[in-house]
């Protein structure tokens, strides 16, 4: 028996759809569609929450030292205010005040390191 299972699946599937380039294109297109849909849903949920008059938050915190996460293009400067919308274990959903690209998911360790946020 061979251990080429994934390779065999890929070659068989590529033949069925017209070649490896088309199969890879289908993977990329599918990923773009799923990613775009997820981003759109998150953005719409955030806007729905933001538009409500009573926004329930877990607190607003001050940034005590400059920090950044380039992967998500989040730059925090000393004195900025961040509002925590939700927290689940190490994942925290924050809103940086006066930022058009909200919301952001950050780790609790990152937020504790650069602000006066404390884990509850």
C-alpha atoms as a PDB file:
ATOM      1  CA  UNK A   1       0.000   0.000   0.000  1.00  0.00           C
ATOM      2  CA  UNK A   2       1.222   3.497  -0.807  1.00  0.00           C
ATOM      3  CA  UNK A   3       1.502   6.508   1.472  1.00  0.00           C
ATOM      4  CA  UNK A   4       0.762   8.949  -1.373  1.00  0.00           C
ATOM      5  CA  UNK A   5      -2.871   9.536  -0.362  1.00  0.00           C
ATOM      6  CA  UNK A   6      -2.933  13.325  -0.624  1.00  0.00           C
ATOM      7  CA  UNK A   7      -0.880  13.352  -3.828  1.00  0.00           C
ATOM      8  CA  UNK A   8      -3.145  10.732  -5.339  1.00  0.00           C
ATOM      9  CA  UNK A   9      -6.253  12.682  -4.368  1.00  0.00           C
ATOM     10  CA  UNK A  10      -4.790  15.894  -5.799  1.00  0.00           C
ATOM     11  CA  UNK A  11      -3.809  14.337  -9.150  1.00  0.00           C
ATOM     12  CA  UNK A  12      -7.133  12.516  -9.523  1.00  0.00           C
ATOM     13  CA  UNK A  13      -9.134  15.641  -8.667  1.00  0.00           C
ATOM     14  CA  UNK A  14      -6.969  17.834 -10.913  1.00  0.00           C
ATOM     15  CA  UNK A  15      -7.681  15.526 -13.865  1.00  0.00           C
ATOM     16  CA  UNK A  16     -11.421  15.768 -13.190  1.00  0.00           C
ATOM     17  CA  UNK A  17     -11.468  19.587 -13.194  1.00  0.00           C
ATOM     18  CA  UNK A  18      -9.115  20.135 -16.106  1.00  0.00           C
ATOM     19  CA  UNK A  19      -5.650  20.383 -14.601  1.00  0.00           C
ATOM     20  CA  UNK A  20      -3.748  21.461 -11.502  1.00  0.00           C
ATOM     21  CA  UNK A  21      -3.917  25.171 -12.352  1.00  0.00           C
ATOM     22  CA  UNK A  22      -7.718  25.082 -12.398  1.00  0.00           C
ATOM     23  CA  UNK A  23      -7.827  23.107  -9.138  1.00  0.00           C
ATOM     24  CA  UNK A  24      -5.526  25.569  -7.380  1.00  0.00           C
ATOM     25  CA  UNK A  25      -7.599  28.438  -8.793  1.00  0.00           C
ATOM     26  CA  UNK A  26     -10.708  26.825  -7.338  1.00  0.00           C
ATOM     27  CA  UNK A  27      -9.033  26.604  -3.917  1.00  0.00           C
ATOM     28  CA  UNK A  28      -7.992  30.259  -4.059  1.00  0.00           C
ATOM     29  CA  UNK A  29     -11.429  31.403  -5.235  1.00  0.00           C
ATOM     30  CA  UNK A  30     -13.157  29.387  -2.527  1.00  0.00           C
ATOM     31  CA  UNK A  31     -10.867  30.842   0.136  1.00  0.00           C
ATOM     32  CA  UNK A  32     -11.503  34.374  -1.092  1.00  0.00           C
ATOM     33  CA  UNK A  33     -15.259  33.838  -1.032  1.00  0.00           C
ATOM     34  CA  UNK A  34     -15.257  32.331   2.460  1.00  0.00           C
ATOM     35  CA  UNK A  35     -12.869  35.013   3.780  1.00  0.00           C
ATOM     36  CA  UNK A  36     -14.871  37.834   2.213  1.00  0.00           C
ATOM     37  CA  UNK A  37     -18.111  36.483   3.607  1.00  0.00           C
ATOM     38  CA  UNK A  38     -16.666  36.093   7.109  1.00  0.00           C
ATOM     39  CA  UNK A  39     -15.214  39.612   7.009  1.00  0.00           C
ATOM     40  CA  UNK A  40     -18.495  41.041   5.811  1.00  0.00           C
ATOM     41  CA  UNK A  41     -20.478  39.279   8.545  1.00  0.00           C
ATOM     42  CA  UNK A  42     -18.080  40.495  11.264  1.00  0.00           C
ATOM     43  CA  UNK A  43     -18.162  44.050   9.927  1.00  0.00           C
ATOM     44  CA  UNK A  44     -21.960  44.084   9.761  1.00  0.00           C
ATOM     45  CA  UNK A  45     -22.262  42.678  13.288  1.00  0.00           C
ATOM     46  CA  UNK A  46     -19.902  45.363  14.567  1.00  0.00           C
ATOM     47  CA  UNK A  47     -21.901  48.093  12.833  1.00  0.00           C
ATOM     48  CA  UNK A  48     -25.137  46.709  14.276  1.00  0.00           C
ATOM     49  CA  UNK A  49     -23.645  46.781  17.773  1.00  0.00           C
ATOM     50  CA  UNK A  50     -22.163  50.252  17.222  1.00  0.00           C
ATOM     51  CA  UNK A  51     -25.481  51.662  15.972  1.00  0.00           C
ATOM     52  CA  UNK A  52     -27.350  50.586  19.097  1.00  0.00           C
ATOM     53  CA  UNK A  53     -27.702  53.372  21.606  1.00  0.00           C
ATOM     54  CA  UNK A  54     -26.747  51.184  24.551  1.00  0.00           C
ATOM     55  CA  UNK A  55     -23.477  49.537  23.665  1.00  0.00           C
ATOM     56  CA  UNK A  56     -22.660  47.028  26.372  1.00  0.00           C
ATOM     57  CA  UNK A  57     -18.907  46.863  26.806  1.00  0.00           C
ATOM     58  CA  UNK A  58     -16.499  45.281  29.227  1.00  0.00           C
ATOM     59  CA  UNK A  59     -14.735  48.569  29.857  1.00  0.00           C
ATOM     60  CA  UNK A  60     -12.575  51.249  28.298  1.00  0.00           C
ATOM     61  CA  UNK A  61      -8.836  51.214  28.906  1.00  0.00           C
ATOM     62  CA  UNK A  62      -5.942  53.590  28.296  1.00  0.00           C
ATOM     63  CA  UNK A  63      -2.874  52.599  26.316  1.00  0.00           C
ATOM     64  CA  UNK A  64       0.187  53.045  28.535  1.00  0.00           C
ATOM     65  CA  UNK A  65       2.886  52.314  25.938  1.00  0.00           C
ATOM     66  CA  UNK A  66       3.157  52.225  22.158  1.00  0.00           C
ATOM     67  CA  UNK A  67       2.415  48.851  20.577  1.00  0.00           C
ATOM     68  CA  UNK A  68       1.541  47.477  17.177  1.00  0.00           C
ATOM     69  CA  UNK A  69       0.450  44.331  15.392  1.00  0.00           C
ATOM     70  CA  UNK A  70       1.449  44.791  11.771  1.00  0.00           C
ATOM     71  CA  UNK A  71      -0.383  41.646  10.620  1.00  0.00           C
ATOM     72  CA  UNK A  72      -3.737  43.308  11.338  1.00  0.00           C
ATOM     73  CA  UNK A  73      -2.483  46.903  10.922  1.00  0.00           C
ATOM     74  CA  UNK A  74      -3.241  47.868  14.519  1.00  0.00           C
ATOM     75  CA  UNK A  75      -1.112  50.676  15.928  1.00  0.00           C
ATOM     76  CA  UNK A  76      -1.678  51.829  19.502  1.00  0.00           C
ATOM     77  CA  UNK A  77      -0.039  54.994  20.807  1.00  0.00           C
ATOM     78  CA  UNK A  78       0.325  56.043  24.429  1.00  0.00           C
ATOM     79  CA  UNK A  79      -2.870  57.806  25.489  1.00  0.00           C
ATOM     80  CA  UNK A  80      -5.171  56.029  23.003  1.00  0.00           C
ATOM     81  CA  UNK A  81      -8.391  54.593  24.370  1.00  0.00           C
ATOM     82  CA  UNK A  82      -9.546  51.037  23.592  1.00  0.00           C
ATOM     83  CA  UNK A  83     -12.920  49.569  24.453  1.00  0.00           C
ATOM     84  CA  UNK A  84     -13.283  45.851  25.098  1.00  0.00           C
ATOM     85  CA  UNK A  85     -16.428  44.466  23.471  1.00  0.00           C
ATOM     86  CA  UNK A  86     -15.918  40.782  24.271  1.00  0.00           C
ATOM     87  CA  UNK A  87     -13.358  38.540  25.914  1.00  0.00           C
ATOM     88  CA  UNK A  88     -13.020  34.774  25.676  1.00  0.00           C
ATOM     89  CA  UNK A  89      -9.977  33.165  27.291  1.00  0.00           C
ATOM     90  CA  UNK A  90      -7.034  34.733  25.435  1.00  0.00           C
ATOM     91  CA  UNK A  91      -8.984  36.309  22.553  1.00  0.00           C
ATOM     92  CA  UNK A  92     -10.289  39.848  23.063  1.00  0.00           C
ATOM     93  CA  UNK A  93     -12.417  41.916  20.679  1.00  0.00           C
ATOM     94  CA  UNK A  94     -11.479  45.583  20.997  1.00  0.00           C
ATOM     95  CA  UNK A  95     -12.433  48.864  19.405  1.00  0.00           C
ATOM     96  CA  UNK A  96      -9.795  51.558  19.107  1.00  0.00           C
ATOM     97  CA  UNK A  97     -11.514  54.900  19.543  1.00  0.00           C
ATOM     98  CA  UNK A  98     -11.432  57.125  16.453  1.00  0.00           C
ATOM     99  CA  UNK A  99     -10.342  54.256  14.146  1.00  0.00           C
ATOM    100  CA  UNK A 100     -12.216  53.436  10.939  1.00  0.00           C
ATOM    101  CA  UNK A 101     -10.856  49.864  10.699  1.00  0.00           C
ATOM    102  CA  UNK A 102     -12.506  48.574  13.892  1.00  0.00           C
ATOM    103  CA  UNK A 103     -12.915  46.033  15.440  1.00  0.00           C
ATOM    104  CA  UNK A 104      -9.721  44.061  16.151  1.00  0.00           C
ATOM    105  CA  UNK A 105      -9.073  40.701  17.777  1.00  0.00           C
ATOM    106  CA  UNK A 106      -6.001  40.775  20.049  1.00  0.00           C
ATOM    107  CA  UNK A 107      -4.582  38.498  22.712  1.00  0.00           C
ATOM    108  CA  UNK A 108      -5.092  39.246  26.377  1.00  0.00           C
ATOM    109  CA  UNK A 109      -1.318  39.244  26.909  1.00  0.00           C
ATOM    110  CA  UNK A 110      -0.849  41.900  24.212  1.00  0.00           C
ATOM    111  CA  UNK A 111      -3.546  44.135  25.707  1.00  0.00           C
ATOM    112  CA  UNK A 112      -2.254  43.719  29.284  1.00  0.00           C
ATOM    113  CA  UNK A 113       1.284  44.522  28.126  1.00  0.00           C
ATOM    114  CA  UNK A 114       0.392  47.842  26.463  1.00  0.00           C
ATOM    115  CA  UNK A 115      -2.581  49.116  28.499  1.00  0.00           C
ATOM    116  CA  UNK A 116      -4.129  49.210  31.953  1.00  0.00           C
ATOM    117  CA  UNK A 117      -6.343  46.194  31.092  1.00  0.00           C
ATOM    118  CA  UNK A 118      -6.309  43.375  33.646  1.00  0.00           C
ATOM    119  CA  UNK A 119      -7.656  39.847  33.118  1.00  0.00           C
ATOM    120  CA  UNK A 120     -10.828  39.175  35.084  1.00  0.00           C
END
